Amino acid sequence: MPAYRQGRPAPADGFKLSSNENPWPPVDGVAQAIAAAALEVNRYPDATALVLRERLAERYGVSPDGVLVGAGSVSLLAQFILAACAPGDEVVYSWRSFEAYPGLVTVAGATSVQVPNRADHGHDLDAMADAITDRTRVVIVCSPNNPTGVPVTAAEFERFMERVPADRLVLLDEAYAEFVRDDASVDGSTLIGRYPNLVVLRTFSKAYGLAGVRVGYAIGPVPILDAARSTAIPLGVTAVATAGAIAALEDANEAELLRRVDVLADRREALREALIAQGWEIPAAQGNFVWLPTGDRTVEVAERLFEAGVVARAFPGDGIRVSVGEEESVEVLLSVLEGLV
């Protein structure tokens, strides 16, 4: 199993568009909360992140026990897969999707069942439902899909859940939910409490700009969350991370953060339209990134971008994911790609 590797660092005068990071530094209120928490790093953090769970529970209309906080949503995915799977069990997910999924399944001793994306690079939920067997324990739905950006619609997801047996765990991975502008897309926050086997995962890494401190959360039925709690590494979420997340949820701070998200969503739409005008076939984009289906040319195109100072996430043989970053990066990106269509 290959080790997870980050993309190459960007040149000093270039742009790192490979990790879907928020290009802005923390807002002042969040930075101050993190700095204050750093003065007490000689103490262990609250193992359950209770205050943060209480804030999220109030927002989503659940009890604090109905919220699980982890070191980023990817660590929560690992916890749920470990809790649900034994060697020989299966985990169904679309492919290509989040590159961490195969490794998380393998570490749990389970087997990946990868269902090819549709021609439009979105999930084929009918085929995923067909792939569920007696050995299936977990199904992962990523919306918007990372790295292709295509969301699952609410209608598609409802039909899918009708076909999934109630004793199979469904993880709705919504790491980019705040960037979605398509009203037809599924919104996990509206489904909380509706299904006994559904857990919704979100993160503070992207829209809230806290990728460097690692904090995400899951909302779902308490018995399922308790099972995942049993597989967690104790004290995995730091006090610095929870302080930053709590501050990010304060009204003034969140308003500024979501204003930035609006700017990135508008920039994404403008970038996608410009690329389509150049002749690129860009699928629907609802995250903070766009997908270039470059196929066999992936390495070539990625190298040309790197030579121009743009680091993107290349998936050889499939395509390139390009984060929506600084405004100045858009012109550079478009000037390079125009000659490569």
C-alpha atoms as a PDB file:
ATOM      1  CA  MET A   1       0.000   0.000   0.000  1.00  0.00           C
ATOM      2  CA  PRO A   2       1.552   3.349  -1.005  1.00  0.00           C
ATOM      3  CA  ALA A   3       2.140   5.924   1.708  1.00  0.00           C
ATOM      4  CA  TYR A   4       0.139   9.144   1.540  1.00  0.00           C
ATOM      5  CA  ARG A   5       2.227  11.876  -0.037  1.00  0.00           C
ATOM      6  CA  GLN A   6       1.505  15.575  -0.207  1.00  0.00           C
ATOM      7  CA  GLY A   7       2.026  17.490  -3.413  1.00  0.00           C
ATOM      8  CA  ARG A   8       5.273  19.266  -4.168  1.00  0.00           C
ATOM      9  CA  PRO A   9       5.851  22.602  -2.466  1.00  0.00           C
ATOM     10  CA  ALA A  10       5.278  25.645  -4.637  1.00  0.00           C
ATOM     11  CA  PRO A  11       8.133  27.937  -5.664  1.00  0.00           C
ATOM     12  CA  ALA A  12       8.534  31.057  -3.530  1.00  0.00           C
ATOM     13  CA  ASP A  13       6.850  33.159  -6.211  1.00  0.00           C
ATOM     14  CA  GLY A  14       4.385  30.438  -7.256  1.00  0.00           C
ATOM     15  CA  PHE A  15       0.992  29.102  -6.191  1.00  0.00           C
ATOM     16  CA  LYS A  16       0.217  25.928  -4.226  1.00  0.00           C
ATOM     17  CA  LEU A  17      -3.074  24.750  -5.698  1.00  0.00           C
ATOM     18  CA  SER A  18      -2.711  21.077  -4.825  1.00  0.00           C
ATOM     19  CA  SER A  19      -4.295  20.715  -1.375  1.00  0.00           C
ATOM     20  CA  ASN A  20      -7.633  22.583  -1.570  1.00  0.00           C
ATOM     21  CA  GLU A  21      -6.509  24.946   1.165  1.00  0.00           C
ATOM     22  CA  ASN A  22      -8.199  28.219   1.970  1.00  0.00           C
ATOM     23  CA  PRO A  23      -5.802  30.883   0.603  1.00  0.00           C
ATOM     24  CA  TRP A  24      -6.547  33.442   3.333  1.00  0.00           C
ATOM     25  CA  PRO A  25      -4.874  33.499   6.770  1.00  0.00           C
ATOM     26  CA  PRO A  26      -7.115  33.051   9.825  1.00  0.00           C
ATOM     27  CA  VAL A  27      -9.440  35.906  10.715  1.00  0.00           C
ATOM     28  CA  ASP A  28      -8.230  37.907  13.710  1.00  0.00           C
ATOM     29  CA  GLY A  29     -10.686  36.440  16.208  1.00  0.00           C
ATOM     30  CA  VAL A  30      -9.694  32.882  15.319  1.00  0.00           C
ATOM     31  CA  ALA A  31      -5.975  33.661  15.356  1.00  0.00           C
ATOM     32  CA  GLN A  32      -6.311  35.249  18.795  1.00  0.00           C
ATOM     33  CA  ALA A  33      -8.165  32.224  20.175  1.00  0.00           C
ATOM     34  CA  ILE A  34      -5.492  29.877  18.841  1.00  0.00           C
ATOM     35  CA  ALA A  35      -2.719  32.039  20.281  1.00  0.00           C
ATOM     36  CA  ALA A  36      -4.388  32.064  23.701  1.00  0.00           C
ATOM     37  CA  ALA A  37      -4.824  28.284  23.663  1.00  0.00           C
ATOM     38  CA  ALA A  38      -1.163  27.861  22.721  1.00  0.00           C
ATOM     39  CA  LEU A  39      -0.178  29.367  26.065  1.00  0.00           C
ATOM     40  CA  GLU A  40      -1.573  26.271  27.792  1.00  0.00           C
ATOM     41  CA  VAL A  41      -0.127  23.501  25.623  1.00  0.00           C
ATOM     42  CA  ASN A  42       1.581  22.062  28.695  1.00  0.00           C
ATOM     43  CA  ARG A  43      -1.875  20.751  29.654  1.00  0.00           C
ATOM     44  CA  TYR A  44      -3.821  17.956  28.005  1.00  0.00           C
ATOM     45  CA  PRO A  45      -6.906  19.032  26.045  1.00  0.00           C
ATOM     46  CA  ASP A  46     -10.484  18.056  26.824  1.00  0.00           C
ATOM     47  CA  ALA A  47     -10.571  14.544  25.367  1.00  0.00           C
ATOM     48  CA  THR A  48     -14.146  14.909  24.133  1.00  0.00           C
ATOM     49  CA  ALA A  49     -14.009  18.534  22.916  1.00  0.00           C
ATOM     50  CA  LEU A  50     -17.212  19.069  24.897  1.00  0.00           C
ATOM     51  CA  VAL A  51     -17.598  22.818  24.378  1.00  0.00           C
ATOM     52  CA  LEU A  52     -17.201  22.474  20.622  1.00  0.00           C
ATOM     53  CA  ARG A  53     -19.630  19.553  20.563  1.00  0.00           C
ATOM     54  CA  GLU A  54     -22.166  21.612  22.497  1.00  0.00           C
ATOM     55  CA  ARG A  55     -21.903  24.451  19.979  1.00  0.00           C
ATOM     56  CA  LEU A  56     -22.333  22.093  17.044  1.00  0.00           C
ATOM     57  CA  ALA A  57     -25.136  20.188  18.767  1.00  0.00           C
ATOM     58  CA  GLU A  58     -27.086  23.402  19.242  1.00  0.00           C
ATOM     59  CA  ARG A  59     -26.602  24.287  15.577  1.00  0.00           C
ATOM     60  CA  TYR A  60     -27.780  20.932  14.242  1.00  0.00           C
ATOM     61  CA  GLY A  61     -30.499  20.211  16.789  1.00  0.00           C
ATOM     62  CA  VAL A  62     -28.932  17.137  18.366  1.00  0.00           C
ATOM     63  CA  SER A  63     -27.518  16.260  21.769  1.00  0.00           C
ATOM     64  CA  PRO A  64     -23.790  16.748  22.416  1.00  0.00           C
ATOM     65  CA  ASP A  65     -23.441  12.954  22.300  1.00  0.00           C
ATOM     66  CA  GLY A  66     -24.778  13.129  18.754  1.00  0.00           C
ATOM     67  CA  VAL A  67     -21.601  14.955  17.682  1.00  0.00           C
ATOM     68  CA  LEU A  68     -18.151  13.397  17.381  1.00  0.00           C
ATOM     69  CA  VAL A  69     -15.082  15.605  16.934  1.00  0.00           C
ATOM     70  CA  GLY A  70     -11.854  14.307  15.438  1.00  0.00           C
ATOM     71  CA  ALA A  71      -8.515  15.411  14.037  1.00  0.00           C
ATOM     72  CA  GLY A  72      -9.990  16.269  10.659  1.00  0.00           C
ATOM     73  CA  SER A  73     -12.801  14.392   8.947  1.00  0.00           C
ATOM     74  CA  VAL A  74     -10.310  11.874   7.531  1.00  0.00           C
ATOM     75  CA  SER A  75      -9.466  10.648  11.031  1.00  0.00           C
ATOM     76  CA  LEU A  76     -13.177  10.239  11.697  1.00  0.00           C
ATOM     77  CA  LEU A  77     -13.537   8.186   8.523  1.00  0.00           C
ATOM     78  CA  ALA A  78     -10.799   5.921   9.848  1.00  0.00           C
ATOM     79  CA  GLN A  79     -12.594   5.553  13.180  1.00  0.00           C
ATOM     80  CA  PHE A  80     -15.906   4.568  11.599  1.00  0.00           C
ATOM     81  CA  ILE A  81     -14.320   2.077   9.212  1.00  0.00           C
ATOM     82  CA  LEU A  82     -12.347   0.480  12.050  1.00  0.00           C
ATOM     83  CA  ALA A  83     -15.482   0.291  14.185  1.00  0.00           C
ATOM     84  CA  ALA A  84     -17.610  -1.291  11.481  1.00  0.00           C
ATOM     85  CA  CYS A  85     -15.225  -3.595   9.644  1.00  0.00           C
ATOM     86  CA  ALA A  86     -13.358  -6.801  10.317  1.00  0.00           C
ATOM     87  CA  PRO A  87     -10.989  -8.579   7.915  1.00  0.00           C
ATOM     88  CA  GLY A  88     -12.928  -9.786   4.900  1.00  0.00           C
ATOM     89  CA  ASP A  89     -15.634  -7.129   5.156  1.00  0.00           C
ATOM     90  CA  GLU A  90     -16.203  -4.730   2.269  1.00  0.00           C
ATOM     91  CA  VAL A  91     -16.394  -0.958   1.935  1.00  0.00           C
ATOM     92  CA  VAL A  92     -18.131   0.425  -1.163  1.00  0.00           C
ATOM     93  CA  TYR A  93     -17.259   3.822  -2.611  1.00  0.00           C
ATOM     94  CA  SER A  94     -17.086   5.608  -5.933  1.00  0.00           C
ATOM     95  CA  TRP A  95     -13.807   5.856  -7.817  1.00  0.00           C
ATOM     96  CA  ARG A  96     -12.084   8.074  -8.496  1.00  0.00           C
ATOM     97  CA  SER A  97     -12.883   9.733  -5.187  1.00  0.00           C
ATOM     98  CA  PHE A  98     -10.945  10.853  -2.101  1.00  0.00           C
ATOM     99  CA  GLU A  99      -7.516   9.258  -2.339  1.00  0.00           C
ATOM    100  CA  ALA A 100      -7.435   8.377   1.377  1.00  0.00           C
ATOM    101  CA  TYR A 101     -10.327   5.913   1.127  1.00  0.00           C
ATOM    102  CA  PRO A 102      -8.359   2.894  -0.175  1.00  0.00           C
ATOM    103  CA  GLY A 103      -5.700   3.203   2.518  1.00  0.00           C
ATOM    104  CA  LEU A 104      -8.203   3.593   5.351  1.00  0.00           C
ATOM    105  CA  VAL A 105     -10.017   0.454   4.202  1.00  0.00           C
ATOM    106  CA  THR A 106      -6.812  -1.554   3.882  1.00  0.00           C
ATOM    107  CA  VAL A 107      -5.583  -0.561   7.345  1.00  0.00           C
ATOM    108  CA  ALA A 108      -8.879  -1.812   8.798  1.00  0.00           C
ATOM    109  CA  GLY A 109      -8.288  -5.193   7.138  1.00  0.00           C
ATOM    110  CA  ALA A 110     -11.311  -4.712   4.912  1.00  0.00           C
ATOM    111  CA  THR A 111     -11.640  -4.854   1.129  1.00  0.00           C
ATOM    112  CA  SER A 112     -12.384  -1.900  -1.130  1.00  0.00           C
ATOM    113  CA  VAL A 113     -15.172  -2.195  -3.678  1.00  0.00           C
ATOM    114  CA  GLN A 114     -14.604   0.673  -6.089  1.00  0.00           C
ATOM    115  CA  VAL A 115     -17.532   1.619  -8.335  1.00  0.00           C
ATOM    116  CA  PRO A 116     -16.506   3.641 -11.410  1.00  0.00           C
ATOM    117  CA  ASN A 117     -17.716   7.212 -11.673  1.00  0.00           C
ATOM    118  CA  ARG A 118     -20.276   8.078 -14.324  1.00  0.00           C
ATOM    119  CA  ALA A 119     -19.179   9.694 -17.575  1.00  0.00           C
ATOM    120  CA  ASP A 120     -19.854  13.100 -15.986  1.00  0.00           C
ATOM    121  CA  HIS A 121     -17.381  12.217 -13.169  1.00  0.00           C
ATOM    122  CA  GLY A 122     -20.109  11.941 -10.529  1.00  0.00           C
ATOM    123  CA  HIS A 123     -21.181   9.031  -8.341  1.00  0.00           C
ATOM    124  CA  ASP A 124     -23.171   6.219  -9.957  1.00  0.00           C
ATOM    125  CA  LEU A 125     -25.368   5.599  -6.926  1.00  0.00           C
ATOM    126  CA  ASP A 126     -27.438   2.907  -8.653  1.00  0.00           C
ATOM    127  CA  ALA A 127     -24.281   0.927  -9.373  1.00  0.00           C
ATOM    128  CA  MET A 128     -23.065   1.529  -5.812  1.00  0.00           C
ATOM    129  CA  ALA A 129     -26.326   0.162  -4.424  1.00  0.00           C
ATOM    130  CA  ASP A 130     -25.976  -2.845  -6.738  1.00  0.00           C
ATOM    131  CA  ALA A 131     -22.462  -3.437  -5.333  1.00  0.00           C
ATOM    132  CA  ILE A 132     -23.719  -3.891  -1.759  1.00  0.00           C
ATOM    133  CA  THR A 133     -23.437  -7.531  -0.676  1.00  0.00           C
ATOM    134  CA  ASP A 134     -23.713  -9.547   2.520  1.00  0.00           C
ATOM    135  CA  ARG A 135     -20.061  -8.634   3.181  1.00  0.00           C
ATOM    136  CA  THR A 136     -20.612  -4.873   2.866  1.00  0.00           C
ATOM    137  CA  ARG A 137     -20.329  -2.982   6.136  1.00  0.00           C
ATOM    138  CA  VAL A 138     -19.749   0.619   5.037  1.00  0.00           C
ATOM    139  CA  VAL A 139     -20.685   2.735   2.021  1.00  0.00           C
ATOM    140  CA  ILE A 140     -18.986   6.109   1.528  1.00  0.00           C
ATOM    141  CA  VAL A 141     -20.647   8.874  -0.487  1.00  0.00           C
ATOM    142  CA  CYS A 142     -18.476  11.933  -1.164  1.00  0.00           C
ATOM    143  CA  SER A 143     -20.390  15.068  -2.135  1.00  0.00           C
ATOM    144  CA  PRO A 144     -19.095  17.189  -3.750  1.00  0.00           C
ATOM    145  CA  ASN A 145     -16.809  14.435  -4.945  1.00  0.00           C
ATOM    146  CA  ASN A 146     -13.114  14.983  -4.328  1.00  0.00           C
ATOM    147  CA  PRO A 147     -11.309  15.327  -6.748  1.00  0.00           C
ATOM    148  CA  THR A 148     -13.884  15.719  -9.536  1.00  0.00           C
ATOM    149  CA  GLY A 149     -16.159  18.274  -7.823  1.00  0.00           C
ATOM    150  CA  VAL A 150     -19.464  16.743  -8.928  1.00  0.00           C
ATOM    151  CA  PRO A 151     -22.145  16.719  -6.206  1.00  0.00           C
ATOM    152  CA  VAL A 152     -24.760  14.093  -5.451  1.00  0.00           C
ATOM    153  CA  THR A 153     -28.285  15.456  -5.747  1.00  0.00           C
ATOM    154  CA  ALA A 154     -30.762  15.238  -2.897  1.00  0.00           C
ATOM    155  CA  ALA A 155     -33.112  13.170  -5.048  1.00  0.00           C
ATOM    156  CA  GLU A 156     -30.350  10.731  -5.998  1.00  0.00           C
ATOM    157  CA  PHE A 157     -29.302  10.318  -2.398  1.00  0.00           C
ATOM    158  CA  GLU A 158     -32.851   9.716  -1.178  1.00  0.00           C
ATOM    159  CA  ARG A 159     -33.370   6.962  -3.774  1.00  0.00           C
ATOM    160  CA  PHE A 160     -30.017   5.497  -2.821  1.00  0.00           C
ATOM    161  CA  MET A 161     -30.829   5.372   0.890  1.00  0.00           C
ATOM    162  CA  GLU A 162     -34.079   3.573   0.093  1.00  0.00           C
ATOM    163  CA  ARG A 163     -32.000   0.760  -1.418  1.00  0.00           C
ATOM    164  CA  VAL A 164     -29.306   0.527   1.271  1.00  0.00           C
ATOM    165  CA  PRO A 165     -30.098  -2.012   4.003  1.00  0.00           C
ATOM    166  CA  ALA A 166     -30.599  -0.319   7.354  1.00  0.00           C
ATOM    167  CA  ASP A 167     -27.780  -2.349   8.942  1.00  0.00           C
ATOM    168  CA  ARG A 168     -25.129  -0.959   6.564  1.00  0.00           C
ATOM    169  CA  LEU A 169     -23.338   2.216   7.652  1.00  0.00           C
ATOM    170  CA  VAL A 170     -23.490   5.115   5.177  1.00  0.00           C
ATOM    171  CA  LEU A 171     -20.895   7.874   5.589  1.00  0.00           C
ATOM    172  CA  LEU A 172     -21.814  11.095   3.773  1.00  0.00           C
ATOM    173  CA  ASP A 173     -18.492  12.888   3.396  1.00  0.00           C
ATOM    174  CA  GLU A 174     -19.251  16.612   2.983  1.00  0.00           C
ATOM    175  CA  ALA A 175     -15.839  18.203   3.446  1.00  0.00           C
ATOM    176  CA  TYR A 176     -16.729  20.919   0.891  1.00  0.00           C
ATOM    177  CA  ALA A 177     -20.384  21.470   1.773  1.00  0.00           C
ATOM    178  CA  GLU A 178     -20.007  25.204   2.382  1.00  0.00           C
ATOM    179  CA  PHE A 179     -18.871  25.791  -1.208  1.00  0.00           C
ATOM    180  CA  VAL A 180     -21.946  24.193  -2.804  1.00  0.00           C
ATOM    181  CA  ARG A 181     -24.144  26.579  -4.771  1.00  0.00           C
ATOM    182  CA  ASP A 182     -26.299  24.013  -6.602  1.00  0.00           C
ATOM    183  CA  ASP A 183     -29.654  23.935  -4.812  1.00  0.00           C
ATOM    184  CA  ALA A 184     -30.331  20.395  -6.074  1.00  0.00           C
ATOM    185  CA  SER A 185     -27.329  18.998  -4.173  1.00  0.00           C
ATOM    186  CA  VAL A 186     -27.729  16.817  -1.119  1.00  0.00           C
ATOM    187  CA  ASP A 187     -27.366  18.644   2.189  1.00  0.00           C
ATOM    188  CA  GLY A 188     -26.542  16.317   5.030  1.00  0.00           C
ATOM    189  CA  SER A 189     -27.681  18.828   7.637  1.00  0.00           C
ATOM    190  CA  THR A 190     -31.283  18.303   6.459  1.00  0.00           C
ATOM    191  CA  LEU A 191     -31.017  14.518   6.861  1.00  0.00           C
ATOM    192  CA  ILE A 192     -29.901  14.337  10.479  1.00  0.00           C
ATOM    193  CA  GLY A 193     -32.136  11.948  12.415  1.00  0.00           C
ATOM    194  CA  ARG A 194     -33.899  10.695   9.303  1.00  0.00           C
ATOM    195  CA  TYR A 195     -31.907   7.502   8.759  1.00  0.00           C
ATOM    196  CA  PRO A 196     -30.683   5.130  11.512  1.00  0.00           C
ATOM    197  CA  ASN A 197     -27.560   4.219   9.538  1.00  0.00           C
ATOM    198  CA  LEU A 198     -26.412   7.621   8.251  1.00  0.00           C
ATOM    199  CA  VAL A 199     -23.494   9.670   9.574  1.00  0.00           C
ATOM    200  CA  VAL A 200     -22.660  13.097   8.134  1.00  0.00           C
ATOM    201  CA  LEU A 201     -19.037  14.251   8.192  1.00  0.00           C
ATOM    202  CA  ARG A 202     -17.789  17.825   7.840  1.00  0.00           C
ATOM    203  CA  THR A 203     -14.574  19.706   8.537  1.00  0.00           C
ATOM    204  CA  PHE A 204     -13.148  23.056   9.587  1.00  0.00           C
ATOM    205  CA  SER A 205     -10.161  22.565   7.275  1.00  0.00           C
ATOM    206  CA  LYS A 206     -11.554  24.033   4.075  1.00  0.00           C
ATOM    207  CA  ALA A 207     -14.217  26.745   4.390  1.00  0.00           C
ATOM    208  CA  TYR A 208     -13.103  27.709   7.894  1.00  0.00           C
ATOM    209  CA  GLY A 209      -9.394  27.804   7.029  1.00  0.00           C
ATOM    210  CA  LEU A 210      -8.163  25.537   9.836  1.00  0.00           C
ATOM    211  CA  ALA A 211      -6.392  22.870   7.794  1.00  0.00           C
ATOM    212  CA  GLY A 212      -3.206  23.287   9.813  1.00  0.00           C
ATOM    213  CA  VAL A 213      -4.723  22.452  13.198  1.00  0.00           C
ATOM    214  CA  ARG A 214      -6.855  19.456  12.103  1.00  0.00           C
ATOM    215  CA  VAL A 215     -10.419  19.428  13.351  1.00  0.00           C
ATOM    216  CA  GLY A 216     -13.542  17.904  11.844  1.00  0.00           C
ATOM    217  CA  TYR A 217     -16.811  16.508  13.107  1.00  0.00           C
ATOM    218  CA  ALA A 218     -19.455  13.867  12.529  1.00  0.00           C
ATOM    219  CA  ILE A 219     -23.162  13.931  13.314  1.00  0.00           C
ATOM    220  CA  GLY A 220     -25.259  10.802  13.546  1.00  0.00           C
ATOM    221  CA  PRO A 221     -26.946   8.226  15.767  1.00  0.00           C
ATOM    222  CA  VAL A 222     -25.339   8.086  19.195  1.00  0.00           C
ATOM    223  CA  PRO A 223     -24.701   4.289  19.228  1.00  0.00           C
ATOM    224  CA  ILE A 224     -22.792   4.553  15.950  1.00  0.00           C
ATOM    225  CA  LEU A 225     -20.782   7.527  17.195  1.00  0.00           C
ATOM    226  CA  ASP A 226     -20.022   5.651  20.419  1.00  0.00           C
ATOM    227  CA  ALA A 227     -18.642   2.748  18.394  1.00  0.00           C
ATOM    228  CA  ALA A 228     -16.361   5.161  16.550  1.00  0.00           C
ATOM    229  CA  ARG A 229     -15.305   6.787  19.834  1.00  0.00           C
ATOM    230  CA  SER A 230     -14.004   3.400  20.957  1.00  0.00           C
ATOM    231  CA  THR A 231     -11.537   3.280  18.051  1.00  0.00           C
ATOM    232  CA  ALA A 232     -10.159   6.808  18.500  1.00  0.00           C
ATOM    233  CA  ILE A 233      -6.649   7.578  19.658  1.00  0.00           C
ATOM    234  CA  PRO A 234      -7.207   9.338  23.011  1.00  0.00           C
ATOM    235  CA  LEU A 235      -6.606  13.098  23.094  1.00  0.00           C
ATOM    236  CA  GLY A 236      -6.204  13.274  19.336  1.00  0.00           C
ATOM    237  CA  VAL A 237      -7.872  16.672  18.992  1.00  0.00           C
ATOM    238  CA  THR A 238      -5.734  19.437  20.459  1.00  0.00           C
ATOM    239  CA  ALA A 239      -6.893  22.358  22.572  1.00  0.00           C
ATOM    240  CA  VAL A 240      -5.515  24.700  19.918  1.00  0.00           C
ATOM    241  CA  ALA A 241      -7.725  23.034  17.295  1.00  0.00           C
ATOM    242  CA  THR A 242     -10.894  23.187  19.388  1.00  0.00           C
ATOM    243  CA  ALA A 243     -10.242  26.799  20.390  1.00  0.00           C
ATOM    244  CA  GLY A 244      -9.882  27.760  16.730  1.00  0.00           C
ATOM    245  CA  ALA A 245     -13.051  25.909  15.745  1.00  0.00           C
ATOM    246  CA  ILE A 246     -15.114  27.423  18.570  1.00  0.00           C
ATOM    247  CA  ALA A 247     -13.923  30.899  17.605  1.00  0.00           C
ATOM    248  CA  ALA A 248     -14.706  30.214  13.947  1.00  0.00           C
ATOM    249  CA  LEU A 249     -18.338  29.558  14.894  1.00  0.00           C
ATOM    250  CA  GLU A 250     -18.755  32.934  16.593  1.00  0.00           C
ATOM    251  CA  ASP A 251     -21.075  35.165  14.596  1.00  0.00           C
ATOM    252  CA  ALA A 252     -18.660  37.868  13.455  1.00  0.00           C
ATOM    253  CA  ASN A 253     -15.855  35.460  12.652  1.00  0.00           C
ATOM    254  CA  GLU A 254     -18.102  33.041  10.791  1.00  0.00           C
ATOM    255  CA  ALA A 255     -19.674  35.848   8.775  1.00  0.00           C
ATOM    256  CA  GLU A 256     -16.233  36.891   7.511  1.00  0.00           C
ATOM    257  CA  LEU A 257     -15.213  33.295   6.806  1.00  0.00           C
ATOM    258  CA  LEU A 258     -18.370  32.621   4.810  1.00  0.00           C
ATOM    259  CA  ARG A 259     -17.889  35.861   2.900  1.00  0.00           C
ATOM    260  CA  ARG A 260     -14.532  34.481   1.824  1.00  0.00           C
ATOM    261  CA  VAL A 261     -16.220  31.231   0.815  1.00  0.00           C
ATOM    262  CA  ASP A 262     -18.580  33.255  -1.403  1.00  0.00           C
ATOM    263  CA  VAL A 263     -15.574  34.882  -3.082  1.00  0.00           C
ATOM    264  CA  LEU A 264     -13.982  31.486  -3.719  1.00  0.00           C
ATOM    265  CA  ALA A 265     -17.232  30.050  -5.077  1.00  0.00           C
ATOM    266  CA  ASP A 266     -17.572  32.970  -7.500  1.00  0.00           C
ATOM    267  CA  ARG A 267     -13.905  32.602  -8.486  1.00  0.00           C
ATOM    268  CA  ARG A 268     -14.450  28.900  -9.087  1.00  0.00           C
ATOM    269  CA  GLU A 269     -17.385  29.571 -11.396  1.00  0.00           C
ATOM    270  CA  ALA A 270     -15.432  32.172 -13.352  1.00  0.00           C
ATOM    271  CA  LEU A 271     -12.445  29.830 -13.657  1.00  0.00           C
ATOM    272  CA  ARG A 272     -14.586  26.936 -14.826  1.00  0.00           C
ATOM    273  CA  GLU A 273     -16.345  29.073 -17.428  1.00  0.00           C
ATOM    274  CA  ALA A 274     -13.013  30.388 -18.712  1.00  0.00           C
ATOM    275  CA  LEU A 275     -11.597  26.878 -19.000  1.00  0.00           C
ATOM    276  CA  ILE A 276     -14.685  25.657 -20.845  1.00  0.00           C
ATOM    277  CA  ALA A 277     -14.322  28.612 -23.211  1.00  0.00           C
ATOM    278  CA  GLN A 278     -10.751  27.449 -23.889  1.00  0.00           C
ATOM    279  CA  GLY A 279     -12.079  24.036 -24.881  1.00  0.00           C
ATOM    280  CA  TRP A 280     -11.533  22.065 -21.694  1.00  0.00           C
ATOM    281  CA  GLU A 281     -14.256  19.622 -20.613  1.00  0.00           C
ATOM    282  CA  ILE A 282     -14.660  20.673 -16.992  1.00  0.00           C
ATOM    283  CA  PRO A 283     -17.272  18.742 -14.973  1.00  0.00           C
ATOM    284  CA  ALA A 284     -19.641  20.405 -12.535  1.00  0.00           C
ATOM    285  CA  ALA A 285     -17.568  22.020  -9.773  1.00  0.00           C
ATOM    286  CA  GLN A 286     -19.074  22.523  -6.327  1.00  0.00           C
ATOM    287  CA  GLY A 287     -15.989  22.313  -4.115  1.00  0.00           C
ATOM    288  CA  ASN A 288     -13.151  24.819  -3.941  1.00  0.00           C
ATOM    289  CA  PHE A 289     -11.417  23.209  -6.918  1.00  0.00           C
ATOM    290  CA  VAL A 290     -11.896  22.222 -10.559  1.00  0.00           C
ATOM    291  CA  TRP A 291     -11.084  18.934 -12.281  1.00  0.00           C
ATOM    292  CA  LEU A 292      -9.124  18.661 -15.510  1.00  0.00           C
ATOM    293  CA  PRO A 293      -9.788  15.222 -17.071  1.00  0.00           C
ATOM    294  CA  THR A 294      -6.386  15.057 -18.758  1.00  0.00           C
ATOM    295  CA  GLY A 295      -6.139  11.245 -18.955  1.00  0.00           C
ATOM    296  CA  ASP A 296      -2.860  10.083 -20.480  1.00  0.00           C
ATOM    297  CA  ARG A 297      -1.624  13.688 -20.669  1.00  0.00           C
ATOM    298  CA  THR A 298      -1.852  14.216 -16.918  1.00  0.00           C
ATOM    299  CA  VAL A 299       1.857  14.138 -16.131  1.00  0.00           C
ATOM    300  CA  GLU A 300       2.685  16.371 -19.104  1.00  0.00           C
ATOM    301  CA  VAL A 301       0.109  19.011 -18.201  1.00  0.00           C
ATOM    302  CA  ALA A 302       1.052  18.934 -14.510  1.00  0.00           C
ATOM    303  CA  GLU A 303       4.712  19.511 -15.397  1.00  0.00           C
ATOM    304  CA  ARG A 304       3.837  22.460 -17.609  1.00  0.00           C
ATOM    305  CA  LEU A 305       1.866  23.974 -14.746  1.00  0.00           C
ATOM    306  CA  PHE A 306       4.747  23.393 -12.358  1.00  0.00           C
ATOM    307  CA  GLU A 307       7.175  25.073 -14.742  1.00  0.00           C
ATOM    308  CA  ALA A 308       4.910  28.134 -14.615  1.00  0.00           C
ATOM    309  CA  GLY A 309       4.891  28.121 -10.816  1.00  0.00           C
ATOM    310  CA  VAL A 310       1.548  26.353 -10.268  1.00  0.00           C
ATOM    311  CA  VAL A 311       1.496  23.171  -8.185  1.00  0.00           C
ATOM    312  CA  ALA A 312      -1.645  21.110  -8.822  1.00  0.00           C
ATOM    313  CA  ARG A 313      -2.682  17.633  -7.682  1.00  0.00           C
ATOM    314  CA  ALA A 314      -2.017  15.159 -10.481  1.00  0.00           C
ATOM    315  CA  PHE A 315      -3.572  11.698 -10.610  1.00  0.00           C
ATOM    316  CA  PRO A 316      -1.630  10.008 -13.436  1.00  0.00           C
ATOM    317  CA  GLY A 317      -3.867   8.457 -16.043  1.00  0.00           C
ATOM    318  CA  ASP A 318      -6.963  10.258 -14.780  1.00  0.00           C
ATOM    319  CA  GLY A 319      -6.676  14.010 -14.359  1.00  0.00           C
ATOM    320  CA  ILE A 320      -5.566  17.020 -12.373  1.00  0.00           C
ATOM    321  CA  ARG A 321      -7.321  18.702  -9.466  1.00  0.00           C
ATOM    322  CA  VAL A 322      -6.647  22.424  -9.264  1.00  0.00           C
ATOM    323  CA  SER A 323      -7.601  24.317  -6.107  1.00  0.00           C
ATOM    324  CA  VAL A 324      -9.213  27.723  -6.363  1.00  0.00           C
ATOM    325  CA  GLY A 325      -6.651  29.894  -4.643  1.00  0.00           C
ATOM    326  CA  GLU A 326      -5.368  33.436  -4.800  1.00  0.00           C
ATOM    327  CA  GLU A 327      -6.937  35.710  -7.419  1.00  0.00           C
ATOM    328  CA  GLU A 328      -3.506  36.230  -8.990  1.00  0.00           C
ATOM    329  CA  SER A 329      -3.189  32.488  -9.643  1.00  0.00           C
ATOM    330  CA  VAL A 330      -6.155  32.424 -12.009  1.00  0.00           C
ATOM    331  CA  GLU A 331      -4.478  34.431 -14.763  1.00  0.00           C
ATOM    332  CA  VAL A 332      -1.337  32.294 -14.578  1.00  0.00           C
ATOM    333  CA  LEU A 333      -3.370  29.104 -14.645  1.00  0.00           C
ATOM    334  CA  LEU A 334      -5.441  30.167 -17.625  1.00  0.00           C
ATOM    335  CA  SER A 335      -2.431  31.387 -19.603  1.00  0.00           C
ATOM    336  CA  VAL A 336      -0.699  28.015 -19.233  1.00  0.00           C
ATOM    337  CA  LEU A 337      -3.737  25.851 -19.909  1.00  0.00           C
ATOM    338  CA  GLU A 338      -4.840  27.826 -22.970  1.00  0.00           C
ATOM    339  CA  GLY A 339      -1.966  26.368 -24.940  1.00  0.00           C
ATOM    340  CA  LEU A 340      -2.519  22.815 -23.742  1.00  0.00           C
ATOM    341  CA  VAL A 341      -6.112  22.103 -24.748  1.00  0.00           C
END
